[in-house]
Amino acid sequence: MTTLAAPPGPVAKLSRGRRWAALAVLTASLLVITMDMTILNIALPDMAAELHPTSAQQLWIVDAYSLVLAGLLVSVAAIADRWGRKRMLVLGYAVFAVASLVILAADSAGEVIAVRAVLGIGGAMVMPTTLSLIRVIFTDPKERATALSIWAAASGLGAVVGPLVGGFLLDHFSWHAAFLVNVPLMVTGIIAALLLLTESRAKNPGRWDAPAALLSLVGMVTLVWAIKQFGEESSFAVPSAWLALGIAAVTLTWFALRSLRSDHPLLDLRLFAGRQFSAGVIAALGATFSMVAALLLVAQWLQLVQGVSPVESGIRLMPIALAGSVVSLVAPPLSRRIGSRAVLAGGLALAGIGMLYLRLAGDGLDLTHMTVALCLVGAGLGALAIGSAMIMGGAPAEKAGNAGALEETAYEFGGTLGVTILGSISALGFRARFTDGAEFDTLHWADPALAGQAEESLGAAVTIADRLGMPGLATHATDAFTHSLQTAGLIGGGLMLAVASLVFFLTPKGTDITRAAH
């Protein structure tokens, strides 16, 4: 083990104006990164048409970013605590900008996968560091709660604005523009960070634990990869995924034991001893589990069932971002009136009701019902700003990097797990309902191979129906998908209500995010 040579020290006290200017830099960079994560979904068809990737390569283009991000979150946050959080943030901006620029030279699927992996490195440098810097810049708990609510609003907004920006760029430029848009934004972020941010490091972080870093890398990458494999195959009969899951279980258990036995662990798991901290992490994990999968299914429903364009789909998803942004800003003052646990648990319950509403709408589910559901889900998830404040406020300033890494890991892992489980349930529900109908039987009798392709996804079913001139088959497929979406909403909504109850009872009564916990 080696020591990273950088003198420790807390962040210098900034003036009020400079604190909020620093927040603007941090939230703007987060907006760009979350936007970039969703732009790819719009750019992928054009990219595939030009580069002709195999189906496996397409999956790697999507997955490379999240696999690298998940594997590096803990280690990069620990390095930032020792080397300097401002340095790590600026380096992350630079990595993101350079990788986005290099896309101009990428003329094969393998090169795009490599670029996506490097973007994952940049994302791992930026995302937890923004949280840890907010924790140490805003020493007043009341100000910090407001700052984190703005951070949460930017995160939600970026996820929905991405498709809009992506659609506009692809209407006027090639798919490369979805990457190149990052370059000027990140260069601006570098200049602003150098001018507005001051350096901060953890006090006495201890020696760098290289074996623990390797264990966390291997454990998280294999865990996320295994979960994604189960989801992509829509089956648990995947031997390679079970092998990866076994490796993840061994390495992460070893990592946890090593961390708990160390006086200066790479990741301080003792933070979970605080009920406030644990409740915030559970809220983040449970909310993203349901939300990410639901949004993925809703986006498909809008485009393939309702027939809207990708850009219009992004517009139709805006209610969740707008409602979430408004509630994120309202949540801190509301928590001072009725309590933090009531706002957080109530928000999670409201989001759960929004997902259940998809099921309650029954056969009459249309764009109006969907807008109502998205507003409820967005408003509920806006309360996650309170969860973020509970996480960051539940950790001492010298553990800000650990807290940020754990929060981002909860978001990443929750989303991946949700897409796998709820996505698989939806896929199985679609297949069961779609194959149980006269329209499918007609296709199967005429061409069993095409019938097998059609039952794999709604997109395949609609394409085959259009090619063969079978509008009845397309209608049957869209009805089956709508029903599977409602089933996923029922399960996800029920889970959200359960998480809301757990968070309410786990959060200590009287928790106030506007007062210092440490």
Protein backbone atom coordinates (compact mmCIF):
# COMPACT_ATOMS: atom_id res chain seq x y z
CA MET A 1 0.00 0.00 0.00
CA THR A 2 1.21 3.48 -0.85
CA THR A 3 0.38 6.95 0.30
CA LEU A 4 -0.89 9.49 -2.23
CA ALA A 5 1.24 12.56 -1.64
CA ALA A 6 -1.07 15.51 -1.11
CA PRO A 7 -1.40 17.51 2.09
CA PRO A 8 -4.78 16.96 3.68
CA GLY A 9 -7.02 19.82 4.57
CA PRO A 10 -10.63 20.99 4.52
CA VAL A 11 -12.03 23.34 1.92
CA ALA A 12 -11.48 27.03 2.57
CA LYS A 13 -14.58 28.95 3.62
CA LEU A 14 -16.10 30.56 0.54
CA SER A 15 -18.22 33.69 0.36
CA ARG A 16 -21.95 33.18 -0.09
CA GLY A 17 -21.88 34.30 -3.72
CA ARG A 18 -18.96 32.06 -4.56
CA ARG A 19 -20.59 29.06 -2.87
CA TRP A 20 -23.65 29.34 -5.10
CA ALA A 21 -21.50 29.99 -8.16
CA ALA A 22 -19.57 26.80 -7.31
CA LEU A 23 -22.89 24.95 -7.07
CA ALA A 24 -23.80 26.20 -10.54
CA VAL A 25 -20.60 24.63 -11.90
CA LEU A 26 -21.24 21.33 -10.13
CA THR A 27 -24.89 21.03 -11.15
CA ALA A 28 -24.19 22.07 -14.75
CA SER A 29 -21.60 19.31 -15.12
CA LEU A 30 -24.02 16.78 -13.63
CA LEU A 31 -26.69 17.96 -16.07
CA VAL A 32 -24.33 17.34 -18.99
CA ILE A 33 -23.39 13.84 -17.81
CA THR A 34 -26.94 12.68 -17.09
CA MET A 35 -28.04 14.19 -20.42
CA ASP A 36 -25.27 12.31 -22.21
CA MET A 37 -26.40 9.02 -20.72
CA THR A 38 -29.82 9.35 -22.40
CA ILE A 39 -28.70 10.96 -25.67
CA LEU A 40 -27.09 7.64 -26.63
CA ASN A 41 -30.52 5.97 -26.77
CA ILE A 42 -31.51 8.39 -29.54
CA ALA A 43 -28.18 8.17 -31.40
CA LEU A 44 -27.90 4.36 -31.35
CA PRO A 45 -30.08 3.61 -34.42
CA ASP A 46 -28.10 6.02 -36.67
CA MET A 47 -24.83 4.75 -35.22
CA ALA A 48 -25.85 1.14 -35.88
CA ALA A 49 -26.85 1.97 -39.46
CA GLU A 50 -23.38 3.38 -40.18
CA LEU A 51 -21.12 1.04 -38.16
CA HIS A 52 -23.13 -2.21 -38.48
CA PRO A 53 -22.33 -3.55 -35.00
CA THR A 54 -23.32 -7.08 -34.02
CA SER A 55 -26.08 -7.47 -31.44
CA ALA A 56 -23.42 -8.19 -28.80
CA GLN A 57 -21.50 -5.04 -29.76
CA GLN A 58 -24.66 -2.94 -29.49
CA LEU A 59 -25.13 -4.19 -25.94
CA TRP A 60 -21.51 -3.35 -25.12
CA ILE A 61 -21.93 0.16 -26.57
CA VAL A 62 -24.75 0.67 -24.07
CA ASP A 63 -23.24 -1.25 -21.12
CA ALA A 64 -19.55 -0.25 -21.26
CA TYR A 65 -20.21 3.11 -19.62
CA SER A 66 -22.19 1.80 -16.65
CA LEU A 67 -19.85 -1.15 -16.04
CA VAL A 68 -16.77 1.09 -15.82
CA LEU A 69 -18.65 3.69 -13.79
CA ALA A 70 -19.88 1.13 -11.24
CA GLY A 71 -16.45 -0.43 -10.89
CA LEU A 72 -14.60 2.83 -10.28
CA LEU A 73 -16.98 4.86 -8.08
CA VAL A 74 -15.54 3.70 -4.75
CA SER A 75 -11.86 3.84 -5.74
CA VAL A 76 -12.06 7.20 -7.52
CA ALA A 77 -13.90 8.80 -4.60
CA ALA A 78 -11.22 7.51 -2.22
CA ILE A 79 -8.45 8.87 -4.45
CA ALA A 80 -10.21 12.25 -4.61
CA ASP A 81 -10.32 12.38 -0.80
CA ARG A 82 -6.53 12.00 -0.76
CA TRP A 83 -5.36 13.70 -3.97
CA GLY A 84 -7.87 16.54 -4.01
CA ARG A 85 -11.54 16.72 -4.98
CA LYS A 86 -11.13 19.77 -7.21
CA ARG A 87 -8.26 18.09 -9.05
CA MET A 88 -10.33 14.95 -9.57
CA LEU A 89 -13.32 16.94 -10.81
CA VAL A 90 -11.25 18.91 -13.32
CA LEU A 91 -9.51 15.73 -14.48
CA GLY A 92 -12.91 14.09 -14.91
CA TYR A 93 -14.10 17.02 -17.03
CA ALA A 94 -10.96 16.72 -19.17
CA VAL A 95 -11.34 12.95 -19.63
CA PHE A 96 -14.98 13.40 -20.61
CA ALA A 97 -14.12 16.16 -23.11
CA VAL A 98 -11.20 14.29 -24.73
CA ALA A 99 -13.14 11.04 -25.02
CA SER A 100 -16.07 12.90 -26.59
CA LEU A 101 -13.71 14.54 -29.11
CA VAL A 102 -12.01 11.26 -30.01
CA ILE A 103 -15.33 9.95 -31.31
CA LEU A 104 -14.53 11.74 -34.59
CA ALA A 105 -11.82 9.14 -35.23
CA ALA A 106 -14.03 6.17 -34.30
CA ASP A 107 -15.05 4.23 -37.39
CA SER A 108 -15.89 0.85 -35.86
CA ALA A 109 -18.13 -0.48 -33.10
CA GLY A 110 -15.09 -1.57 -31.08
CA GLU A 111 -13.72 1.97 -31.06
CA VAL A 112 -17.08 3.38 -29.93
CA ILE A 113 -17.15 0.82 -27.10
CA ALA A 114 -13.68 2.00 -26.04
CA VAL A 115 -14.83 5.63 -26.09
CA ARG A 116 -17.85 4.74 -23.96
CA ALA A 117 -15.57 2.99 -21.45
CA VAL A 118 -13.37 6.09 -21.17
CA LEU A 119 -16.49 8.22 -20.72
CA GLY A 120 -17.36 5.90 -17.83
CA ILE A 121 -14.00 6.72 -16.24
CA GLY A 122 -14.77 10.43 -16.58
CA GLY A 123 -18.25 9.94 -15.16
CA ALA A 124 -16.85 8.08 -12.14
CA MET A 125 -14.50 11.01 -11.51
CA VAL A 126 -17.24 13.63 -11.72
CA MET A 127 -20.45 12.24 -10.23
CA PRO A 128 -19.47 11.35 -6.63
CA THR A 129 -17.06 14.28 -6.50
CA THR A 130 -19.86 16.78 -7.12
CA LEU A 131 -21.66 15.40 -4.06
CA SER A 132 -18.60 15.41 -1.81
CA LEU A 133 -17.75 18.98 -2.83
CA ILE A 134 -21.29 20.13 -2.05
CA ARG A 135 -20.92 18.47 1.36
CA VAL A 136 -17.73 20.35 2.21
CA ILE A 137 -18.53 23.67 0.50
CA PHE A 138 -21.91 24.09 2.20
CA THR A 139 -21.08 23.73 5.87
CA ASP A 140 -24.45 25.17 6.96
CA PRO A 141 -26.97 22.28 6.91
CA LYS A 142 -29.84 24.51 5.80
CA GLU A 143 -27.86 25.82 2.81
CA ARG A 144 -26.63 22.30 2.04
CA ALA A 145 -30.18 20.97 1.88
CA THR A 146 -31.09 23.65 -0.64
CA ALA A 147 -27.93 22.99 -2.65
CA LEU A 148 -28.62 19.26 -2.78
CA SER A 149 -32.20 19.91 -3.87
CA ILE A 150 -30.87 21.94 -6.82
CA TRP A 151 -28.39 19.14 -7.56
CA ALA A 152 -31.22 16.58 -7.56
CA ALA A 153 -33.35 18.75 -9.83
CA ALA A 154 -30.49 19.04 -12.35
CA SER A 155 -29.97 15.28 -12.31
CA GLY A 156 -33.61 14.55 -13.09
CA LEU A 157 -33.83 17.28 -15.71
CA GLY A 158 -30.76 16.01 -17.56
CA ALA A 159 -32.20 12.51 -17.91
CA VAL A 160 -35.25 13.84 -19.76
CA VAL A 161 -33.64 16.72 -21.67
CA GLY A 162 -31.15 14.27 -23.21
CA PRO A 163 -33.60 12.79 -25.74
CA LEU A 164 -34.75 16.27 -26.75
CA VAL A 165 -31.21 17.49 -27.37
CA GLY A 166 -30.31 14.22 -29.04
CA GLY A 167 -33.29 14.40 -31.37
CA PHE A 168 -32.47 17.97 -32.36
CA LEU A 169 -28.81 17.17 -33.03
CA LEU A 170 -29.60 14.07 -35.09
CA ASP A 171 -32.10 16.04 -37.19
CA HIS A 172 -29.29 18.40 -38.23
CA PHE A 173 -26.01 16.48 -37.83
CA SER A 174 -24.57 12.95 -37.73
CA TRP A 175 -24.62 10.69 -34.66
CA HIS A 176 -21.16 12.03 -33.73
CA ALA A 177 -22.85 15.23 -32.55
CA ALA A 178 -24.38 13.33 -29.60
CA PHE A 179 -20.82 13.00 -28.25
CA LEU A 180 -19.29 16.24 -29.53
CA VAL A 181 -21.84 18.39 -27.71
CA ASN A 182 -19.99 17.47 -24.49
CA VAL A 183 -16.71 19.08 -25.56
CA PRO A 184 -17.50 22.83 -25.29
CA LEU A 185 -19.60 22.23 -22.19
CA MET A 186 -16.81 20.37 -20.39
CA VAL A 187 -14.16 22.90 -21.45
CA THR A 188 -16.37 25.62 -19.96
CA GLY A 189 -16.70 23.49 -16.81
CA ILE A 190 -12.91 23.17 -16.50
CA ILE A 191 -12.42 26.95 -16.71
CA ALA A 192 -15.23 27.65 -14.25
CA ALA A 193 -13.99 25.00 -11.79
CA LEU A 194 -10.45 26.39 -11.83
CA LEU A 195 -11.75 29.90 -11.15
CA LEU A 196 -14.50 29.20 -8.63
CA LEU A 197 -13.65 26.04 -6.67
CA THR A 198 -11.05 25.68 -3.94
CA GLU A 199 -9.23 22.45 -3.19
CA SER A 200 -10.39 20.12 -0.43
CA ARG A 201 -9.14 16.80 0.92
CA ALA A 202 -10.07 14.49 3.76
CA LYS A 203 -8.28 14.81 7.09
CA ASN A 204 -6.11 11.79 7.83
CA PRO A 205 -7.54 9.50 5.13
CA GLY A 206 -4.98 6.81 5.83
CA ARG A 207 -2.86 4.83 3.40
CA TRP A 208 -4.15 3.87 -0.02
CA ASP A 209 -5.47 0.30 0.09
CA ALA A 210 -4.73 -1.12 -3.37
CA PRO A 211 -6.07 -4.65 -2.66
CA ALA A 212 -9.39 -3.18 -1.46
CA ALA A 213 -9.58 -1.02 -4.59
CA LEU A 214 -9.04 -4.10 -6.78
CA LEU A 215 -11.67 -6.07 -4.86
CA SER A 216 -14.26 -3.28 -5.24
CA LEU A 217 -13.49 -2.96 -8.95
CA VAL A 218 -13.81 -6.68 -9.69
CA GLY A 219 -16.82 -7.10 -7.39
CA MET A 220 -18.90 -4.22 -8.75
CA VAL A 221 -18.10 -4.87 -12.42
CA THR A 222 -18.96 -8.58 -12.19
CA LEU A 223 -22.09 -7.86 -10.13
CA VAL A 224 -23.47 -5.28 -12.56
CA TRP A 225 -22.48 -7.39 -15.58
CA ALA A 226 -24.23 -10.46 -14.15
CA ILE A 227 -27.42 -8.52 -13.48
CA LYS A 228 -27.37 -7.04 -16.99
CA GLN A 229 -26.88 -10.51 -18.50
CA PHE A 230 -29.95 -11.84 -16.68
CA GLY A 231 -31.93 -8.88 -17.97
CA GLU A 232 -30.72 -9.09 -21.56
CA GLU A 233 -31.51 -12.79 -21.74
CA SER A 234 -34.82 -12.36 -19.84
CA SER A 235 -33.87 -15.58 -18.12
CA PHE A 236 -31.98 -16.79 -15.07
CA ALA A 237 -30.62 -19.80 -16.96
CA VAL A 238 -27.37 -18.02 -17.86
CA PRO A 239 -24.33 -19.97 -16.54
CA SER A 240 -21.83 -17.19 -17.28
CA ALA A 241 -23.92 -14.70 -15.32
CA TRP A 242 -24.13 -17.05 -12.34
CA LEU A 243 -20.35 -17.49 -12.45
CA ALA A 244 -19.89 -13.70 -12.46
CA LEU A 245 -22.38 -13.38 -9.62
CA GLY A 246 -20.39 -15.90 -7.59
CA ILE A 247 -17.16 -13.96 -8.20
CA ALA A 248 -18.96 -10.75 -7.17
CA ALA A 249 -20.24 -12.33 -3.96
CA VAL A 250 -16.76 -13.53 -2.97
CA THR A 251 -14.90 -10.32 -3.83
CA LEU A 252 -17.47 -7.93 -2.32
CA THR A 253 -17.69 -9.97 0.88
CA TRP A 254 -13.90 -9.93 1.11
CA PHE A 255 -13.93 -6.19 0.44
CA ALA A 256 -16.55 -5.58 3.16
CA LEU A 257 -14.63 -7.60 5.75
CA ARG A 258 -11.39 -5.83 4.86
CA SER A 259 -13.09 -2.44 5.16
CA LEU A 260 -14.68 -3.23 8.52
CA ARG A 261 -11.37 -4.44 9.97
CA SER A 262 -9.36 -1.41 8.80
CA ASP A 263 -8.79 1.73 10.85
CA HIS A 264 -8.71 3.74 7.59
CA PRO A 265 -10.91 1.79 5.16
CA LEU A 266 -11.18 2.61 1.48
CA LEU A 267 -14.96 2.71 2.03
CA ASP A 268 -16.25 3.22 5.55
CA LEU A 269 -19.18 0.82 5.78
CA ARG A 270 -19.69 1.88 9.39
CA LEU A 271 -21.62 4.82 7.98
CA PHE A 272 -24.56 2.43 7.69
CA ALA A 273 -24.72 2.32 11.48
CA GLY A 274 -26.45 5.71 11.25
CA ARG A 275 -30.17 5.20 10.64
CA GLN A 276 -30.48 8.53 8.85
CA PHE A 277 -27.71 7.59 6.42
CA SER A 278 -29.08 4.09 5.82
CA ALA A 279 -32.60 5.39 5.19
CA GLY A 280 -31.29 7.80 2.56
CA VAL A 281 -29.38 5.07 0.73
CA ILE A 282 -32.37 2.71 0.80
CA ALA A 283 -34.58 5.48 -0.59
CA ALA A 284 -32.13 6.09 -3.46
CA LEU A 285 -31.83 2.37 -4.20
CA GLY A 286 -35.56 1.63 -4.08
CA ALA A 287 -36.61 4.69 -6.06
CA THR A 288 -34.21 4.12 -8.95
CA PHE A 289 -35.08 0.41 -8.97
CA SER A 290 -38.65 1.26 -9.94
CA MET A 291 -38.17 4.55 -11.81
CA VAL A 292 -35.45 3.63 -14.33
CA ALA A 293 -37.22 0.48 -15.48
CA ALA A 294 -40.58 2.24 -15.67
CA LEU A 295 -39.17 5.11 -17.75
CA LEU A 296 -37.53 2.67 -20.16
CA LEU A 297 -40.84 0.85 -20.67
CA VAL A 298 -42.84 4.09 -20.91
CA ALA A 299 -40.47 5.44 -23.60
CA GLN A 300 -41.09 2.27 -25.65
CA TRP A 301 -44.84 2.54 -25.06
CA LEU A 302 -44.88 6.14 -26.28
CA GLN A 303 -42.97 5.39 -29.49
CA LEU A 304 -44.27 1.94 -30.43
CA VAL A 305 -47.81 1.97 -29.03
CA GLN A 306 -48.74 5.65 -29.33
CA GLY A 307 -46.58 6.19 -32.42
CA VAL A 308 -44.81 9.37 -31.30
CA SER A 309 -41.34 10.34 -32.55
CA PRO A 310 -38.25 10.09 -30.31
CA VAL A 311 -38.25 13.87 -29.85
CA GLU A 312 -41.96 13.96 -29.01
CA SER A 313 -41.36 11.06 -26.66
CA GLY A 314 -38.84 13.22 -24.83
CA ILE A 315 -41.40 16.01 -24.63
CA ARG A 316 -44.03 13.61 -23.30
CA LEU A 317 -41.59 12.55 -20.57
CA MET A 318 -40.95 16.14 -19.48
CA PRO A 319 -43.69 16.12 -16.77
CA ILE A 320 -41.62 13.74 -14.64
CA ALA A 321 -38.60 16.07 -14.81
CA LEU A 322 -40.56 19.29 -14.31
CA ALA A 323 -42.58 17.93 -11.39
CA GLY A 324 -39.44 16.45 -9.86
CA SER A 325 -37.52 19.71 -10.22
CA VAL A 326 -40.27 21.74 -8.57
CA VAL A 327 -40.67 19.32 -5.67
CA SER A 328 -36.88 19.06 -5.23
CA LEU A 329 -36.81 22.80 -4.51
CA VAL A 330 -39.91 22.76 -2.32
CA ALA A 331 -38.87 19.68 -0.30
CA PRO A 332 -36.31 21.33 2.06
CA PRO A 333 -38.62 24.10 3.36
CA LEU A 334 -41.48 21.60 3.55
CA SER A 335 -39.30 19.26 5.63
CA ARG A 336 -38.82 22.04 8.17
CA ARG A 337 -42.59 22.13 8.66
CA ILE A 338 -43.59 18.46 8.71
CA GLY A 339 -40.25 16.66 9.15
CA SER A 340 -37.71 15.10 6.84
CA ARG A 341 -38.94 11.53 7.17
CA ALA A 342 -42.52 12.53 6.35
CA VAL A 343 -41.42 14.34 3.19
CA LEU A 344 -39.10 11.57 1.99
CA ALA A 345 -41.42 8.66 2.79
CA GLY A 346 -44.44 10.60 1.54
CA GLY A 347 -42.67 11.37 -1.72
CA LEU A 348 -41.74 7.73 -2.28
CA ALA A 349 -45.35 6.74 -1.57
CA LEU A 350 -46.61 9.36 -4.05
CA ALA A 351 -44.28 7.97 -6.72
CA GLY A 352 -45.57 4.48 -5.95
CA ILE A 353 -49.16 5.68 -6.38
CA GLY A 354 -48.18 7.17 -9.74
CA MET A 355 -46.88 3.80 -10.90
CA LEU A 356 -49.97 2.01 -9.57
CA TYR A 357 -52.09 4.50 -11.50
CA LEU A 358 -50.84 2.90 -14.73
CA ARG A 359 -52.57 -0.29 -13.65
CA LEU A 360 -55.67 1.44 -12.34
CA ALA A 361 -56.21 3.12 -15.72
CA GLY A 362 -56.94 -0.34 -17.13
CA ASP A 363 -57.69 -0.74 -20.84
CA GLY A 364 -58.24 3.01 -21.15
CA LEU A 365 -54.56 3.89 -20.62
CA ASP A 366 -53.79 6.80 -22.95
CA LEU A 367 -51.51 9.84 -23.13
CA THR A 368 -53.61 11.79 -20.63
CA HIS A 369 -53.48 9.01 -18.05
CA MET A 370 -49.74 8.64 -18.69
CA THR A 371 -49.15 12.35 -18.09
CA VAL A 372 -50.98 12.14 -14.76
CA ALA A 373 -48.91 9.12 -13.75
CA LEU A 374 -45.64 10.80 -14.76
CA CYS A 375 -46.51 13.94 -12.78
CA LEU A 376 -47.18 11.85 -9.67
CA VAL A 377 -43.98 9.84 -10.10
CA GLY A 378 -41.92 12.99 -10.77
CA ALA A 379 -43.36 14.84 -7.80
CA GLY A 380 -42.68 11.88 -5.55
CA LEU A 381 -39.13 11.37 -6.75
CA GLY A 382 -38.39 15.06 -6.22
CA ALA A 383 -38.41 14.23 -2.53
CA LEU A 384 -35.20 12.25 -3.08
CA ALA A 385 -33.46 15.58 -2.55
CA ILE A 386 -34.22 14.96 1.13
CA GLY A 387 -32.67 11.50 0.89
CA SER A 388 -29.50 12.99 -0.59
CA ALA A 389 -29.35 15.55 2.21
CA MET A 390 -29.80 12.77 4.78
CA ILE A 391 -26.94 10.79 3.23
CA MET A 392 -24.50 13.69 2.98
CA GLY A 393 -25.56 15.17 6.33
CA GLY A 394 -25.33 11.75 7.97
CA ALA A 395 -21.62 11.52 7.17
CA PRO A 396 -18.82 13.68 8.59
CA ALA A 397 -17.06 16.03 6.16
CA GLU A 398 -13.94 13.82 6.03
CA LYS A 399 -16.15 10.95 4.80
CA ALA A 400 -17.84 13.06 2.11
CA GLY A 401 -16.19 11.02 -0.65
CA ASN A 402 -17.42 7.76 0.86
CA ALA A 403 -20.94 9.13 1.22
CA GLY A 404 -20.98 10.40 -2.37
CA ALA A 405 -19.70 7.08 -3.70
CA LEU A 406 -22.32 5.11 -1.77
CA GLU A 407 -25.14 7.36 -2.95
CA GLU A 408 -24.08 7.13 -6.59
CA THR A 409 -23.61 3.36 -6.24
CA ALA A 410 -27.17 3.09 -4.88
CA TYR A 411 -28.50 4.99 -7.89
CA GLU A 412 -26.48 2.93 -10.39
CA PHE A 413 -27.15 -0.44 -8.78
CA GLY A 414 -30.85 0.30 -8.20
CA GLY A 415 -31.38 1.28 -11.82
CA THR A 416 -29.54 -1.77 -13.16
CA LEU A 417 -31.40 -4.13 -10.86
CA GLY A 418 -34.74 -2.53 -11.70
CA VAL A 419 -34.24 -2.81 -15.46
CA THR A 420 -33.28 -6.46 -15.03
CA ILE A 421 -36.10 -7.55 -12.74
CA LEU A 422 -38.99 -5.34 -13.85
CA GLY A 423 -37.82 -5.45 -17.46
CA SER A 424 -37.71 -9.24 -17.36
CA ILE A 425 -41.16 -9.43 -15.76
CA SER A 426 -42.50 -7.13 -18.46
CA ALA A 427 -40.83 -9.17 -21.23
CA LEU A 428 -42.24 -12.43 -19.87
CA GLY A 429 -45.69 -10.86 -19.48
CA PHE A 430 -45.58 -9.55 -23.05
CA ARG A 431 -44.54 -12.90 -24.43
CA ALA A 432 -47.20 -14.82 -22.51
CA ARG A 433 -50.03 -12.50 -23.57
CA PHE A 434 -48.81 -12.01 -27.15
CA THR A 435 -48.47 -15.73 -27.87
CA ASP A 436 -51.98 -16.36 -26.48
CA GLY A 437 -54.03 -15.08 -29.39
CA ALA A 438 -55.39 -16.01 -32.78
CA GLU A 439 -53.25 -13.41 -34.55
CA PHE A 440 -50.05 -15.00 -33.25
CA ASP A 441 -51.33 -18.48 -34.03
CA THR A 442 -51.88 -17.43 -37.65
CA LEU A 443 -48.32 -16.14 -37.90
CA HIS A 444 -46.90 -19.22 -36.22
CA TRP A 445 -48.74 -21.51 -38.61
CA ALA A 446 -47.46 -19.55 -41.64
CA ASP A 447 -43.86 -19.00 -40.51
CA PRO A 448 -42.68 -20.41 -37.14
CA ALA A 449 -39.28 -18.67 -37.45
CA LEU A 450 -40.86 -15.22 -37.86
CA ALA A 451 -43.25 -15.96 -35.01
CA GLY A 452 -40.26 -16.74 -32.80
CA GLN A 453 -38.70 -13.39 -33.68
CA ALA A 454 -41.96 -11.50 -33.12
CA GLU A 455 -42.42 -12.78 -29.59
CA GLU A 456 -39.00 -11.46 -28.52
CA SER A 457 -40.05 -7.78 -28.32
CA LEU A 458 -42.72 -5.28 -29.24
CA GLY A 459 -40.42 -3.64 -31.77
CA ALA A 460 -39.85 -6.92 -33.58
CA ALA A 461 -43.56 -7.78 -33.53
CA VAL A 462 -44.62 -4.41 -34.98
CA THR A 463 -41.91 -4.53 -37.67
CA ILE A 464 -42.92 -8.03 -38.77
CA ALA A 465 -46.62 -7.12 -38.71
CA ASP A 466 -45.99 -4.09 -40.92
CA ARG A 467 -43.84 -6.12 -43.32
CA LEU A 468 -46.50 -8.82 -43.70
CA GLY A 469 -49.45 -6.41 -43.78
CA MET A 470 -51.05 -7.82 -40.60
CA PRO A 471 -52.48 -4.83 -38.68
CA GLY A 472 -54.33 -7.17 -36.34
CA LEU A 473 -51.04 -8.69 -35.22
CA ALA A 474 -49.59 -5.23 -34.53
CA THR A 475 -52.66 -4.26 -32.48
CA HIS A 476 -52.48 -7.51 -30.52
CA ALA A 477 -48.77 -6.88 -29.83
CA THR A 478 -49.32 -3.31 -28.60
CA ASP A 479 -52.16 -4.47 -26.34
CA ALA A 480 -49.91 -7.16 -24.89
CA PHE A 481 -47.12 -4.65 -24.27
CA THR A 482 -49.49 -2.17 -22.60
CA HIS A 483 -50.65 -4.92 -20.26
CA SER A 484 -47.05 -5.89 -19.45
CA LEU A 485 -46.24 -2.23 -18.74
CA GLN A 486 -49.17 -2.05 -16.33
CA THR A 487 -47.97 -5.23 -14.60
CA ALA A 488 -44.52 -3.69 -14.16
CA GLY A 489 -46.20 -0.55 -12.80
CA LEU A 490 -48.16 -2.63 -10.30
CA ILE A 491 -45.07 -4.43 -9.02
CA GLY A 492 -42.86 -1.34 -9.07
CA GLY A 493 -45.50 0.76 -7.36
CA GLY A 494 -46.02 -1.84 -4.66
CA LEU A 495 -42.28 -1.95 -4.08
CA MET A 496 -42.13 1.85 -3.80
CA LEU A 497 -44.85 1.79 -1.15
CA ALA A 498 -42.89 -0.86 0.76
CA VAL A 499 -39.69 1.21 0.52
CA ALA A 500 -41.61 4.29 1.69
CA SER A 501 -42.78 2.41 4.80
CA LEU A 502 -39.27 1.11 5.52
CA VAL A 503 -37.73 4.57 5.11
CA PHE A 504 -40.35 6.14 7.39
CA PHE A 505 -39.76 3.69 10.23
CA LEU A 506 -35.97 3.60 9.78
CA THR A 507 -35.49 7.38 9.77
CA PRO A 508 -35.19 8.65 13.36
CA LYS A 509 -38.17 10.70 14.47
CA GLY A 510 -37.33 14.39 14.46
CA THR A 511 -34.62 14.11 11.80
CA ASP A 512 -33.96 17.61 10.49
CA ILE A 513 -31.73 17.96 7.43
CA THR A 514 -31.32 21.67 8.13
CA ARG A 515 -29.43 20.88 11.32
CA ALA A 516 -25.98 19.36 11.57
CA ALA A 517 -25.83 15.62 12.14
CA HIS A 518 -22.02 15.69 12.28
